[in-house]
Amino acid sequence: QVQLVESGGGLVPPGGSLRLSCAASGRTFSNYAMGWFRQAPGKEREFVAAISWDSGNTYVADSVKGRFTISRGNAKITVYLQMNSLIPEDTADYYCAAGLTGDSRRYIADKRNYAYWGQGTQVTVSA
């Protein structure tokens, strides 16, 4: 049984930083992409960042480019989202996901291509 468990969310003032973690288990993730999506109240879930597990290629949404970085752990199946220079518009529930998306932006950024999802972690950016 595949499990994705997020951690690291919380309340942070504007300009602050957070690092989200996603621990994956239950299968091998060769050929998979691991992604982060977020959903603000009343809005659709949107792509934030993703990494192709085999190639290590990373993809980041334009709205967070230069502020957010996605990376993976070496020893365990863990994916990180380093979030810097946070702004109130980043406030949302953040979800980790895994899917057989291929290694191209068109498919890796589409939430419909992700079969496995975590339960989410809340990020609030407020003074």
Foldseek 3Di string as FASTA:
>chain_A
DKAWAKDWADEAAAQAKIKMKIAIDDDDQQLKKKFKWWDAPPDDIFGAKIAGVPPRDIDGDPVQPPFWDWGADDPGGMIMIIGGRDDQVPWTWMKMFMFNQGPDPVRVGDPVRTDDIHPTDTHGHHD
